[in-house]
Structures are given as structure tokens and as C-alpha cells.
Amino acid sequence: MIATALSYGKLLAIAALIIADARVPAGEGPEWFDWMRTNKLSSVLITFFACNAIEQQLLATGAFEVSLNGHDVFSKLQSGRLPSLEEMVSFVNMAKRYESQ
């Protein structure tokens, strides 16, 4: 939820920065905004990568969940491990069997 809001905020900030020349006269905004406006490429890159780093931290739970038709098939949080290759193949086979029914 917070990560999604941050993602939209990031896009709005970048769009505002690009459009700022037409909307806000030079020198009428805060000093940091004038710096961002004169250094657009740096500002866009800093905003993009800083927000992405924060989003990744918010989303990094270590979870790996597999569900089939709304039923949990595997949970890394519950088992404490990642599924083996054989287990992953069996999940795919279960999904194929379910789709064919």
C-alpha cells in the first residue's frame, strides 16, 4: 500500500518537475526546487532511484507464496525455505490439471 503510493508519488514528482518551467516562474519556488529545475536530468534520476530503493525496502518481506485457485500451496514464511525444483514442477503440473478440469 505505502509502496504503491510512493510509486505514484514518484511519477507525479517527475511529471511535475518536467512541467515546472511552464507553471512556476523561475525564482518563485523554494531554493531546492530551483536547483532541481536547473538540473532536471540529475533530479529525475535521483528521484527515480531513491524512490525505487525505498519501494524495494518496503516490499522486501522475504515472502515466496504459491497459491492455486485461492488456496495456498507453498509458503516460504511458514516453511522457512524456498521450494525445490521438483516442488515447483509439481505446482505447475497441479495448475495444468486444474485448468483442464
N, C-alpha and C. Protein backbone atom coordinates (compact mmCIF):
# COMPACT_ATOMS: atom_id res chain seq x y z
N MET A 1 0.82 -1.18 0.00
CA MET A 1 0.00 0.00 0.00
C MET A 1 0.87 1.26 0.00
N ILE A 2 1.78 1.34 0.94
CA ILE A 2 2.67 2.50 1.01
C ILE A 2 3.58 2.53 -0.21
N ALA A 3 4.08 1.35 -0.61
CA ALA A 3 4.97 1.28 -1.77
C ALA A 3 4.24 1.71 -3.04
N THR A 4 2.97 1.35 -3.17
CA THR A 4 2.19 1.76 -4.34
C THR A 4 2.00 3.27 -4.35
N ALA A 5 1.68 3.83 -3.19
CA ALA A 5 1.52 5.29 -3.10
C ALA A 5 2.84 5.99 -3.42
N LEU A 6 3.95 5.44 -2.94
CA LEU A 6 5.26 6.03 -3.23
C LEU A 6 5.56 5.96 -4.72
N SER A 7 5.18 4.88 -5.36
CA SER A 7 5.41 4.73 -6.79
C SER A 7 4.64 5.79 -7.58
N TYR A 8 3.36 5.99 -7.23
CA TYR A 8 2.59 7.03 -7.90
C TYR A 8 3.13 8.42 -7.58
N GLY A 9 3.54 8.63 -6.33
CA GLY A 9 4.13 9.91 -5.95
C GLY A 9 5.39 10.21 -6.72
N LYS A 10 6.19 9.18 -6.94
CA LYS A 10 7.43 9.33 -7.72
C LYS A 10 7.11 9.79 -9.13
N LEU A 11 6.14 9.15 -9.75
CA LEU A 11 5.76 9.52 -11.11
C LEU A 11 5.20 10.93 -11.17
N LEU A 12 4.39 11.31 -10.18
CA LEU A 12 3.86 12.66 -10.14
C LEU A 12 4.96 13.69 -9.93
N ALA A 13 5.93 13.38 -9.08
CA ALA A 13 7.05 14.31 -8.84
C ALA A 13 7.87 14.51 -10.10
N ILE A 14 8.13 13.43 -10.82
CA ILE A 14 8.90 13.54 -12.07
C ILE A 14 8.11 14.33 -13.10
N ALA A 15 6.81 14.07 -13.21
CA ALA A 15 5.98 14.83 -14.16
C ALA A 15 5.94 16.31 -13.79
N ALA A 16 5.80 16.61 -12.50
CA ALA A 16 5.78 18.00 -12.04
C ALA A 16 7.10 18.69 -12.35
N LEU A 17 8.18 17.97 -12.18
CA LEU A 17 9.50 18.53 -12.45
C LEU A 17 9.66 18.86 -13.93
N ILE A 18 9.15 18.01 -14.78
CA ILE A 18 9.26 18.23 -16.22
C ILE A 18 8.38 19.40 -16.67
N ILE A 19 7.20 19.54 -16.06
CA ILE A 19 6.26 20.58 -16.44
C ILE A 19 6.54 21.91 -15.73
N ALA A 20 7.38 21.92 -14.73
CA ALA A 20 7.57 23.08 -13.85
C ALA A 20 7.94 24.36 -14.59
N ASP A 21 8.69 24.30 -15.66
CA ASP A 21 9.10 25.51 -16.37
C ASP A 21 7.90 26.32 -16.84
N ALA A 22 6.85 25.64 -17.29
CA ALA A 22 5.70 26.34 -17.81
C ALA A 22 4.77 26.86 -16.71
N ARG A 23 4.84 26.28 -15.53
CA ARG A 23 3.88 26.60 -14.47
C ARG A 23 4.42 27.53 -13.38
N VAL A 24 5.66 27.37 -13.00
CA VAL A 24 6.24 28.14 -11.89
C VAL A 24 7.35 29.03 -12.43
N PRO A 25 7.20 30.35 -12.31
CA PRO A 25 8.28 31.23 -12.77
C PRO A 25 9.56 31.00 -11.98
N ALA A 26 10.68 31.18 -12.65
CA ALA A 26 11.99 30.97 -12.01
C ALA A 26 12.15 31.90 -10.82
N GLY A 27 12.68 31.37 -9.73
CA GLY A 27 12.95 32.15 -8.53
C GLY A 27 11.77 32.27 -7.59
N GLU A 28 10.60 31.80 -7.96
CA GLU A 28 9.44 31.92 -7.09
C GLU A 28 9.22 30.68 -6.22
N GLY A 29 9.92 29.60 -6.52
CA GLY A 29 9.80 28.39 -5.73
C GLY A 29 10.90 28.33 -4.69
N PRO A 30 10.90 27.31 -3.87
CA PRO A 30 11.98 27.14 -2.89
C PRO A 30 13.32 26.92 -3.60
N GLU A 31 14.40 27.16 -2.88
CA GLU A 31 15.74 27.05 -3.47
C GLU A 31 16.01 25.64 -4.01
N TRP A 32 15.60 24.60 -3.25
CA TRP A 32 15.83 23.23 -3.70
C TRP A 32 15.06 22.94 -4.98
N PHE A 33 13.88 23.56 -5.15
CA PHE A 33 13.10 23.35 -6.36
C PHE A 33 13.77 24.02 -7.55
N ASP A 34 14.32 25.20 -7.34
CA ASP A 34 15.06 25.87 -8.42
C ASP A 34 16.27 25.05 -8.84
N TRP A 35 16.96 24.44 -7.84
CA TRP A 35 18.10 23.57 -8.17
C TRP A 35 17.64 22.39 -9.01
N MET A 36 16.52 21.78 -8.60
CA MET A 36 16.00 20.62 -9.34
C MET A 36 15.60 21.02 -10.76
N ARG A 37 15.07 22.20 -10.90
CA ARG A 37 14.62 22.65 -12.22
C ARG A 37 15.80 22.93 -13.14
N THR A 38 16.87 23.46 -12.59
CA THR A 38 18.04 23.73 -13.44
C THR A 38 18.85 22.47 -13.71
N ASN A 39 18.70 21.44 -12.90
CA ASN A 39 19.41 20.17 -13.07
C ASN A 39 18.39 19.04 -13.26
N LYS A 40 17.60 19.14 -14.30
CA LYS A 40 16.48 18.20 -14.48
C LYS A 40 16.89 16.75 -14.59
N LEU A 41 17.90 16.45 -15.39
CA LEU A 41 18.29 15.06 -15.56
C LEU A 41 18.75 14.45 -14.24
N SER A 42 19.58 15.16 -13.53
CA SER A 42 20.05 14.67 -12.23
C SER A 42 18.88 14.51 -11.27
N SER A 43 17.98 15.47 -11.27
CA SER A 43 16.83 15.42 -10.36
C SER A 43 15.92 14.24 -10.66
N VAL A 44 15.66 14.01 -11.93
CA VAL A 44 14.79 12.88 -12.30
C VAL A 44 15.45 11.56 -11.91
N LEU A 45 16.74 11.43 -12.18
CA LEU A 45 17.44 10.19 -11.84
C LEU A 45 17.50 9.97 -10.33
N ILE A 46 17.80 11.03 -9.58
CA ILE A 46 17.85 10.90 -8.12
C ILE A 46 16.48 10.51 -7.58
N THR A 47 15.43 11.20 -8.05
CA THR A 47 14.07 10.89 -7.59
C THR A 47 13.70 9.45 -7.93
N PHE A 48 13.99 9.04 -9.16
CA PHE A 48 13.63 7.69 -9.60
C PHE A 48 14.34 6.62 -8.78
N PHE A 49 15.67 6.73 -8.66
CA PHE A 49 16.42 5.68 -7.98
C PHE A 49 16.22 5.70 -6.47
N ALA A 50 16.09 6.88 -5.88
CA ALA A 50 15.86 6.94 -4.43
C ALA A 50 14.49 6.34 -4.08
N CYS A 51 13.48 6.68 -4.84
CA CYS A 51 12.15 6.12 -4.59
C CYS A 51 12.12 4.62 -4.84
N ASN A 52 12.82 4.15 -5.87
CA ASN A 52 12.87 2.71 -6.12
C ASN A 52 13.55 1.97 -4.98
N ALA A 53 14.61 2.54 -4.43
CA ALA A 53 15.29 1.90 -3.30
C ALA A 53 14.37 1.80 -2.09
N ILE A 54 13.61 2.86 -1.83
CA ILE A 54 12.68 2.84 -0.70
C ILE A 54 11.56 1.83 -0.96
N GLU A 55 11.03 1.79 -2.19
CA GLU A 55 9.98 0.83 -2.54
C GLU A 55 10.47 -0.60 -2.33
N GLN A 56 11.68 -0.89 -2.76
CA GLN A 56 12.23 -2.24 -2.60
C GLN A 56 12.33 -2.63 -1.14
N GLN A 57 12.74 -1.70 -0.29
CA GLN A 57 12.83 -1.99 1.14
C GLN A 57 11.45 -2.25 1.73
N LEU A 58 10.45 -1.51 1.27
CA LEU A 58 9.09 -1.71 1.78
C LEU A 58 8.50 -3.04 1.33
N LEU A 59 8.90 -3.49 0.14
CA LEU A 59 8.33 -4.73 -0.40
C LEU A 59 9.13 -5.97 -0.05
N ALA A 60 10.34 -5.81 0.48
CA ALA A 60 11.21 -6.95 0.76
C ALA A 60 10.81 -7.63 2.07
N THR A 61 9.94 -8.61 1.96
CA THR A 61 9.50 -9.35 3.14
C THR A 61 10.15 -10.71 3.23
N GLY A 62 10.76 -11.15 2.13
CA GLY A 62 11.31 -12.49 2.10
C GLY A 62 10.25 -13.53 1.79
N ALA A 63 9.06 -13.07 1.46
CA ALA A 63 7.95 -13.99 1.19
C ALA A 63 8.07 -14.58 -0.21
N PHE A 64 7.71 -15.83 -0.31
CA PHE A 64 7.58 -16.50 -1.59
C PHE A 64 6.36 -17.39 -1.43
N GLU A 65 5.25 -16.95 -1.96
CA GLU A 65 3.99 -17.65 -1.78
C GLU A 65 3.52 -18.20 -3.11
N VAL A 66 3.05 -19.43 -3.10
CA VAL A 66 2.46 -20.05 -4.28
C VAL A 66 1.04 -20.43 -3.91
N SER A 67 0.08 -19.96 -4.72
CA SER A 67 -1.31 -20.32 -4.47
C SER A 67 -1.94 -20.80 -5.77
N LEU A 68 -2.92 -21.66 -5.64
CA LEU A 68 -3.62 -22.21 -6.79
C LEU A 68 -5.11 -22.09 -6.50
N ASN A 69 -5.80 -21.31 -7.32
CA ASN A 69 -7.23 -21.09 -7.17
C ASN A 69 -7.58 -20.59 -5.77
N GLY A 70 -6.77 -19.69 -5.26
CA GLY A 70 -7.04 -19.09 -3.97
C GLY A 70 -6.60 -19.91 -2.77
N HIS A 71 -6.03 -21.08 -2.99
CA HIS A 71 -5.56 -21.92 -1.88
C HIS A 71 -4.03 -21.88 -1.84
N ASP A 72 -3.49 -21.66 -0.66
CA ASP A 72 -2.03 -21.64 -0.51
C ASP A 72 -1.47 -23.03 -0.73
N VAL A 73 -0.48 -23.13 -1.63
CA VAL A 73 0.17 -24.39 -1.92
C VAL A 73 1.53 -24.45 -1.24
N PHE A 74 2.21 -23.30 -1.19
CA PHE A 74 3.53 -23.24 -0.57
C PHE A 74 3.74 -21.86 0.02
N SER A 75 4.40 -21.79 1.17
CA SER A 75 4.72 -20.52 1.82
C SER A 75 6.13 -20.59 2.38
N LYS A 76 7.00 -19.71 1.88
CA LYS A 76 8.36 -19.65 2.42
C LYS A 76 8.34 -19.15 3.85
N LEU A 77 7.42 -18.25 4.16
CA LEU A 77 7.35 -17.72 5.52
C LEU A 77 7.00 -18.82 6.52
N GLN A 78 6.14 -19.76 6.11
CA GLN A 78 5.76 -20.84 7.02
C GLN A 78 6.79 -21.95 7.06
N SER A 79 7.38 -22.29 5.91
CA SER A 79 8.33 -23.41 5.87
C SER A 79 9.76 -22.99 6.16
N GLY A 80 10.07 -21.71 5.95
CA GLY A 80 11.43 -21.23 6.21
C GLY A 80 12.42 -21.58 5.11
N ARG A 81 11.93 -21.98 3.96
CA ARG A 81 12.83 -22.35 2.86
C ARG A 81 12.14 -22.08 1.53
N LEU A 82 12.93 -22.07 0.45
CA LEU A 82 12.37 -21.96 -0.89
C LEU A 82 12.00 -23.35 -1.38
N PRO A 83 11.02 -23.45 -2.28
CA PRO A 83 10.66 -24.77 -2.80
C PRO A 83 11.76 -25.31 -3.70
N SER A 84 11.86 -26.64 -3.73
CA SER A 84 12.83 -27.28 -4.62
C SER A 84 12.31 -27.26 -6.05
N LEU A 85 13.17 -27.60 -6.98
CA LEU A 85 12.77 -27.64 -8.39
C LEU A 85 11.64 -28.64 -8.58
N GLU A 86 11.72 -29.79 -7.92
CA GLU A 86 10.68 -30.80 -8.06
C GLU A 86 9.34 -30.27 -7.55
N GLU A 87 9.37 -29.54 -6.44
CA GLU A 87 8.13 -28.96 -5.92
C GLU A 87 7.55 -27.94 -6.90
N MET A 88 8.40 -27.12 -7.48
CA MET A 88 7.93 -26.12 -8.44
C MET A 88 7.29 -26.79 -9.65
N VAL A 89 7.92 -27.87 -10.14
CA VAL A 89 7.36 -28.62 -11.27
C VAL A 89 5.99 -29.19 -10.88
N SER A 90 5.88 -29.70 -9.66
CA SER A 90 4.59 -30.26 -9.23
C SER A 90 3.53 -29.17 -9.13
N PHE A 91 3.91 -27.93 -8.73
CA PHE A 91 2.96 -26.82 -8.69
C PHE A 91 2.44 -26.51 -10.09
N VAL A 92 3.34 -26.51 -11.07
CA VAL A 92 2.95 -26.25 -12.45
C VAL A 92 2.03 -27.36 -12.95
N ASN A 93 2.37 -28.60 -12.66
CA ASN A 93 1.52 -29.73 -13.07
C ASN A 93 0.14 -29.66 -12.44
N MET A 94 0.08 -29.28 -11.16
CA MET A 94 -1.21 -29.13 -10.48
C MET A 94 -2.04 -28.04 -11.17
N ALA A 95 -1.39 -26.96 -11.55
CA ALA A 95 -2.09 -25.86 -12.22
C ALA A 95 -2.64 -26.32 -13.57
N LYS A 96 -1.83 -27.09 -14.32
CA LYS A 96 -2.27 -27.59 -15.62
C LYS A 96 -3.46 -28.52 -15.46
N ARG A 97 -3.41 -29.41 -14.46
CA ARG A 97 -4.51 -30.34 -14.21
C ARG A 97 -5.77 -29.56 -13.83
N TYR A 98 -5.59 -28.52 -13.03
CA TYR A 98 -6.74 -27.74 -12.60
C TYR A 98 -7.37 -27.02 -13.78
N GLU A 99 -6.55 -26.47 -14.68
CA GLU A 99 -7.07 -25.75 -15.85
C GLU A 99 -7.82 -26.70 -16.79
N SER A 100 -7.38 -27.95 -16.89
CA SER A 100 -8.01 -28.89 -17.82
C SER A 100 -9.36 -29.40 -17.30
N GLN A 101 -9.65 -29.18 -16.05
CA GLN A 101 -10.93 -29.67 -15.49
C GLN A 101 -12.06 -28.73 -15.79
